[in-house]
Amino acid sequence: MRKLASALAMSTVVIALALAAPSPGYAQAVTIVGPVTKIQLAPDGKSATAVLKDGKTGEAVTILVTDDLTLDKFKDKRIVVGDEIRTRFDKQDGKNMSKSFKKTAGC
């Protein structure tokens, strides 16, 4: 009876650890806050690249933006170089794909 209880407890621990381990197939979401140093819209207007200076590390991070709301903010100058931005992005295929791109003060 004790062997059965011990085996059951051990299998429960193994299953819990397997479910808690990160899966390599999913992109990891990263959040940074920092000023925009460059914005470049694509000629077709369906994407843009924005370079932010990470507030913690000071390094430049290039982010690919494809959502229409943010692209509209770039086009009508509601987001410009120098604005402080909070962005969340996924690292996919060597690119930083934007999930969220907002001014820290709103907008």
N, C-alpha and C. Protein backbone atom coordinates (compact mmCIF):
# COMPACT_ATOMS: atom_id res chain seq x y z
N MET A 1 0.81 -1.19 0.00
CA MET A 1 0.00 0.00 0.00
C MET A 1 0.86 1.27 0.00
N ARG A 2 1.97 1.21 0.79
CA ARG A 2 2.85 2.37 0.83
C ARG A 2 3.53 2.59 -0.52
N LYS A 3 3.88 1.51 -1.21
CA LYS A 3 4.54 1.63 -2.52
C LYS A 3 3.61 2.29 -3.52
N LEU A 4 2.34 1.92 -3.45
CA LEU A 4 1.36 2.51 -4.35
C LEU A 4 1.20 4.00 -4.09
N ALA A 5 1.11 4.41 -2.83
CA ALA A 5 0.97 5.81 -2.47
C ALA A 5 2.22 6.59 -2.87
N SER A 6 3.38 5.98 -2.66
CA SER A 6 4.64 6.64 -3.01
C SER A 6 4.75 6.82 -4.53
N ALA A 7 4.39 5.79 -5.28
CA ALA A 7 4.44 5.87 -6.74
C ALA A 7 3.44 6.91 -7.26
N LEU A 8 2.28 6.98 -6.67
CA LEU A 8 1.27 7.95 -7.06
C LEU A 8 1.76 9.38 -6.78
N ALA A 9 2.36 9.59 -5.62
CA ALA A 9 2.89 10.91 -5.27
C ALA A 9 4.01 11.31 -6.23
N MET A 10 4.89 10.36 -6.54
CA MET A 10 6.01 10.66 -7.44
C MET A 10 5.51 10.98 -8.85
N SER A 11 4.52 10.25 -9.33
CA SER A 11 4.00 10.52 -10.67
C SER A 11 3.29 11.88 -10.72
N THR A 12 2.65 12.26 -9.63
CA THR A 12 2.00 13.57 -9.56
C THR A 12 3.04 14.68 -9.65
N VAL A 13 4.16 14.53 -8.96
CA VAL A 13 5.23 15.52 -8.99
C VAL A 13 5.82 15.62 -10.40
N VAL A 14 6.05 14.49 -11.05
CA VAL A 14 6.62 14.48 -12.39
C VAL A 14 5.68 15.17 -13.38
N ILE A 15 4.40 14.90 -13.29
CA ILE A 15 3.42 15.53 -14.18
C ILE A 15 3.37 17.04 -13.93
N ALA A 16 3.39 17.46 -12.68
CA ALA A 16 3.34 18.89 -12.36
C ALA A 16 4.58 19.60 -12.91
N LEU A 17 5.74 19.00 -12.79
CA LEU A 17 6.96 19.60 -13.32
C LEU A 17 6.94 19.68 -14.85
N ALA A 18 6.40 18.66 -15.49
CA ALA A 18 6.33 18.65 -16.95
C ALA A 18 5.38 19.75 -17.45
N LEU A 19 4.29 19.98 -16.74
CA LEU A 19 3.35 21.01 -17.16
C LEU A 19 3.88 22.41 -16.88
N ALA A 20 4.70 22.56 -15.86
CA ALA A 20 5.23 23.87 -15.49
C ALA A 20 6.43 24.29 -16.34
N ALA A 21 7.09 23.36 -17.00
CA ALA A 21 8.28 23.68 -17.80
C ALA A 21 7.87 24.49 -19.03
N PRO A 22 8.65 25.52 -19.36
CA PRO A 22 8.31 26.31 -20.55
C PRO A 22 8.48 25.50 -21.82
N SER A 23 7.59 25.74 -22.75
CA SER A 23 7.64 25.03 -24.02
C SER A 23 8.49 25.81 -25.01
N PRO A 24 9.42 25.17 -25.71
CA PRO A 24 10.26 25.88 -26.65
C PRO A 24 9.52 26.35 -27.90
N GLY A 25 8.30 25.88 -28.13
CA GLY A 25 7.55 26.23 -29.33
C GLY A 25 6.84 27.57 -29.25
N TYR A 26 6.75 28.15 -28.06
CA TYR A 26 6.03 29.40 -27.90
C TYR A 26 6.99 30.57 -27.81
N ALA A 27 6.56 31.71 -28.32
CA ALA A 27 7.37 32.92 -28.25
C ALA A 27 7.30 33.49 -26.84
N GLN A 28 8.37 34.13 -26.44
CA GLN A 28 8.44 34.71 -25.12
C GLN A 28 8.10 36.19 -25.20
N ALA A 29 7.13 36.63 -24.41
CA ALA A 29 6.75 38.04 -24.41
C ALA A 29 7.74 38.83 -23.56
N VAL A 30 8.20 39.96 -24.09
CA VAL A 30 9.15 40.82 -23.41
C VAL A 30 8.53 42.21 -23.33
N THR A 31 8.70 42.88 -22.19
CA THR A 31 8.20 44.24 -22.01
C THR A 31 9.37 45.17 -21.73
N ILE A 32 9.42 46.29 -22.44
CA ILE A 32 10.43 47.31 -22.15
C ILE A 32 9.79 48.69 -22.16
N VAL A 33 10.43 49.62 -21.47
CA VAL A 33 10.00 51.01 -21.45
C VAL A 33 11.21 51.85 -21.82
N GLY A 34 11.00 52.79 -22.75
CA GLY A 34 12.09 53.67 -23.14
C GLY A 34 11.67 54.61 -24.24
N PRO A 35 12.53 55.57 -24.56
CA PRO A 35 12.20 56.55 -25.60
C PRO A 35 12.39 55.98 -27.01
N VAL A 36 11.56 56.46 -27.93
CA VAL A 36 11.68 56.09 -29.33
C VAL A 36 12.84 56.89 -29.92
N THR A 37 13.76 56.20 -30.60
CA THR A 37 14.88 56.90 -31.24
C THR A 37 14.74 56.97 -32.75
N LYS A 38 13.88 56.10 -33.32
CA LYS A 38 13.69 56.11 -34.77
C LYS A 38 12.38 55.41 -35.11
N ILE A 39 11.66 55.96 -36.08
CA ILE A 39 10.44 55.34 -36.62
C ILE A 39 10.55 55.37 -38.13
N GLN A 40 10.37 54.21 -38.76
CA GLN A 40 10.41 54.15 -40.22
C GLN A 40 9.22 53.34 -40.72
N LEU A 41 8.32 54.03 -41.41
CA LEU A 41 7.15 53.36 -42.00
C LEU A 41 7.56 52.66 -43.30
N ALA A 42 6.98 51.50 -43.54
CA ALA A 42 7.21 50.79 -44.80
C ALA A 42 6.52 51.55 -45.93
N PRO A 43 7.03 51.46 -47.16
CA PRO A 43 6.41 52.17 -48.29
C PRO A 43 4.94 51.83 -48.50
N ASP A 44 4.55 50.58 -48.21
CA ASP A 44 3.15 50.19 -48.39
C ASP A 44 2.27 50.64 -47.22
N GLY A 45 2.86 51.11 -46.13
CA GLY A 45 2.09 51.59 -44.99
C GLY A 45 1.49 50.52 -44.12
N LYS A 46 1.83 49.26 -44.37
CA LYS A 46 1.23 48.15 -43.62
C LYS A 46 2.11 47.68 -42.46
N SER A 47 3.29 48.26 -42.32
CA SER A 47 4.18 47.90 -41.22
C SER A 47 5.14 49.06 -40.97
N ALA A 48 5.82 48.98 -39.85
CA ALA A 48 6.82 49.99 -39.51
C ALA A 48 7.85 49.35 -38.58
N THR A 49 9.04 49.92 -38.58
CA THR A 49 10.03 49.52 -37.60
C THR A 49 10.28 50.71 -36.68
N ALA A 50 10.32 50.42 -35.41
CA ALA A 50 10.58 51.45 -34.41
C ALA A 50 11.77 50.98 -33.58
N VAL A 51 12.66 51.90 -33.29
CA VAL A 51 13.82 51.59 -32.46
C VAL A 51 13.63 52.32 -31.14
N LEU A 52 13.69 51.55 -30.05
CA LEU A 52 13.56 52.10 -28.71
C LEU A 52 14.87 51.90 -27.95
N LYS A 53 15.17 52.83 -27.09
CA LYS A 53 16.31 52.68 -26.20
C LYS A 53 15.77 52.11 -24.89
N ASP A 54 16.18 50.89 -24.57
CA ASP A 54 15.70 50.23 -23.36
C ASP A 54 16.12 51.05 -22.14
N GLY A 55 15.15 51.40 -21.30
CA GLY A 55 15.42 52.21 -20.12
C GLY A 55 16.30 51.52 -19.09
N LYS A 56 16.29 50.20 -19.04
CA LYS A 56 17.10 49.47 -18.05
C LYS A 56 18.53 49.24 -18.53
N THR A 57 18.67 48.76 -19.75
CA THR A 57 20.00 48.37 -20.25
C THR A 57 20.66 49.44 -21.10
N GLY A 58 19.86 50.34 -21.68
CA GLY A 58 20.40 51.37 -22.54
C GLY A 58 20.65 50.92 -23.97
N GLU A 59 20.35 49.67 -24.28
CA GLU A 59 20.60 49.18 -25.63
C GLU A 59 19.42 49.49 -26.55
N ALA A 60 19.70 49.60 -27.84
CA ALA A 60 18.67 49.87 -28.84
C ALA A 60 17.97 48.57 -29.21
N VAL A 61 16.64 48.61 -29.22
CA VAL A 61 15.82 47.45 -29.56
C VAL A 61 14.94 47.81 -30.74
N THR A 62 15.05 47.04 -31.82
CA THR A 62 14.24 47.26 -33.02
C THR A 62 12.99 46.40 -32.94
N ILE A 63 11.83 47.03 -33.16
CA ILE A 63 10.55 46.34 -33.04
C ILE A 63 9.77 46.52 -34.33
N LEU A 64 9.20 45.42 -34.83
CA LEU A 64 8.36 45.45 -36.02
C LEU A 64 6.91 45.64 -35.59
N VAL A 65 6.28 46.70 -36.09
CA VAL A 65 4.90 47.04 -35.73
C VAL A 65 4.02 46.78 -36.94
N THR A 66 2.93 46.02 -36.73
CA THR A 66 2.02 45.71 -37.83
C THR A 66 0.56 46.02 -37.52
N ASP A 67 0.25 46.40 -36.28
CA ASP A 67 -1.16 46.64 -35.97
C ASP A 67 -1.59 48.02 -36.46
N ASP A 68 -2.80 48.10 -36.97
CA ASP A 68 -3.32 49.31 -37.61
C ASP A 68 -3.41 50.50 -36.66
N LEU A 69 -3.78 50.27 -35.41
CA LEU A 69 -3.92 51.36 -34.45
C LEU A 69 -2.60 52.08 -34.24
N THR A 70 -1.53 51.34 -34.02
CA THR A 70 -0.22 51.95 -33.81
C THR A 70 0.29 52.60 -35.09
N LEU A 71 0.07 51.97 -36.23
CA LEU A 71 0.49 52.56 -37.51
C LEU A 71 -0.20 53.89 -37.74
N ASP A 72 -1.49 53.99 -37.39
CA ASP A 72 -2.21 55.25 -37.51
C ASP A 72 -1.61 56.32 -36.60
N LYS A 73 -1.18 55.91 -35.40
CA LYS A 73 -0.55 56.86 -34.47
C LYS A 73 0.79 57.37 -35.02
N PHE A 74 1.51 56.50 -35.73
CA PHE A 74 2.75 56.94 -36.37
C PHE A 74 2.46 57.93 -37.50
N LYS A 75 1.44 57.60 -38.32
CA LYS A 75 1.13 58.42 -39.49
C LYS A 75 0.65 59.82 -39.12
N ASP A 76 -0.19 59.93 -38.08
CA ASP A 76 -0.69 61.25 -37.71
C ASP A 76 0.09 61.90 -36.57
N LYS A 77 1.28 61.36 -36.31
CA LYS A 77 2.26 61.97 -35.39
C LYS A 77 1.81 62.01 -33.93
N ARG A 78 0.92 61.08 -33.53
CA ARG A 78 0.58 60.98 -32.11
C ARG A 78 1.70 60.28 -31.34
N ILE A 79 2.49 59.47 -32.04
CA ILE A 79 3.71 58.88 -31.49
C ILE A 79 4.85 59.33 -32.39
N VAL A 80 5.84 60.02 -31.78
CA VAL A 80 6.97 60.54 -32.54
C VAL A 80 8.27 60.20 -31.82
N VAL A 81 9.38 60.45 -32.50
CA VAL A 81 10.70 60.24 -31.91
C VAL A 81 10.81 61.08 -30.65
N GLY A 82 11.28 60.46 -29.58
CA GLY A 82 11.43 61.14 -28.30
C GLY A 82 10.37 60.76 -27.29
N ASP A 83 9.22 60.24 -27.74
CA ASP A 83 8.17 59.82 -26.82
C ASP A 83 8.61 58.59 -26.02
N GLU A 84 8.23 58.57 -24.74
CA GLU A 84 8.52 57.38 -23.93
C GLU A 84 7.41 56.36 -24.15
N ILE A 85 7.82 55.15 -24.48
CA ILE A 85 6.89 54.09 -24.87
C ILE A 85 7.03 52.88 -23.95
N ARG A 86 5.91 52.24 -23.68
CA ARG A 86 5.90 50.93 -23.03
C ARG A 86 5.46 49.95 -24.11
N THR A 87 6.31 49.00 -24.43
CA THR A 87 5.99 48.05 -25.48
C THR A 87 6.14 46.63 -24.98
N ARG A 88 5.31 45.78 -25.51
CA ARG A 88 5.41 44.35 -25.25
C ARG A 88 5.51 43.68 -26.61
N PHE A 89 6.46 42.75 -26.73
CA PHE A 89 6.68 42.12 -28.02
C PHE A 89 7.10 40.68 -27.84
N ASP A 90 6.91 39.89 -28.90
CA ASP A 90 7.34 38.49 -28.95
C ASP A 90 8.57 38.41 -29.83
N LYS A 91 9.50 37.56 -29.44
CA LYS A 91 10.66 37.29 -30.28
C LYS A 91 10.32 36.09 -31.15
N GLN A 92 10.15 36.33 -32.46
CA GLN A 92 9.78 35.28 -33.41
C GLN A 92 10.68 35.36 -34.62
N ASP A 93 11.31 34.26 -34.96
CA ASP A 93 12.14 34.16 -36.17
C ASP A 93 13.19 35.26 -36.24
N GLY A 94 13.77 35.62 -35.12
CA GLY A 94 14.81 36.63 -35.10
C GLY A 94 14.30 38.06 -35.16
N LYS A 95 12.98 38.25 -35.11
CA LYS A 95 12.38 39.58 -35.15
C LYS A 95 11.60 39.82 -33.87
N ASN A 96 11.49 41.08 -33.48
CA ASN A 96 10.69 41.46 -32.33
C ASN A 96 9.34 41.96 -32.84
N MET A 97 8.32 41.13 -32.73
CA MET A 97 6.98 41.43 -33.24
C MET A 97 6.14 42.09 -32.15
N SER A 98 5.71 43.32 -32.39
CA SER A 98 4.97 44.10 -31.41
C SER A 98 3.62 43.47 -31.08
N LYS A 99 3.30 43.43 -29.78
CA LYS A 99 1.97 43.04 -29.32
C LYS A 99 1.23 44.26 -28.78
N SER A 100 1.98 45.17 -28.19
CA SER A 100 1.42 46.38 -27.60
C SER A 100 2.47 47.48 -27.73
N PHE A 101 2.04 48.69 -28.06
CA PHE A 101 2.97 49.80 -28.27
C PHE A 101 2.24 51.06 -27.85
N LYS A 102 2.48 51.56 -26.62
CA LYS A 102 1.72 52.68 -26.08
C LYS A 102 2.63 53.68 -25.39
N LYS A 103 2.22 54.95 -25.42
CA LYS A 103 2.91 55.97 -24.64
C LYS A 103 2.69 55.65 -23.16
N THR A 104 3.72 55.94 -22.36
CA THR A 104 3.55 55.67 -20.93
C THR A 104 2.56 56.65 -20.29
N ALA A 105 2.39 57.82 -20.90
CA ALA A 105 1.46 58.82 -20.39
C ALA A 105 0.06 58.66 -20.97
N GLY A 106 -0.16 57.66 -21.80
CA GLY A 106 -1.47 57.45 -22.42
C GLY A 106 -1.38 57.53 -23.93
N CYS A 107 -2.49 57.77 -24.59
CA CYS A 107 -2.61 57.92 -26.05
C CYS A 107 -3.21 56.70 -26.66
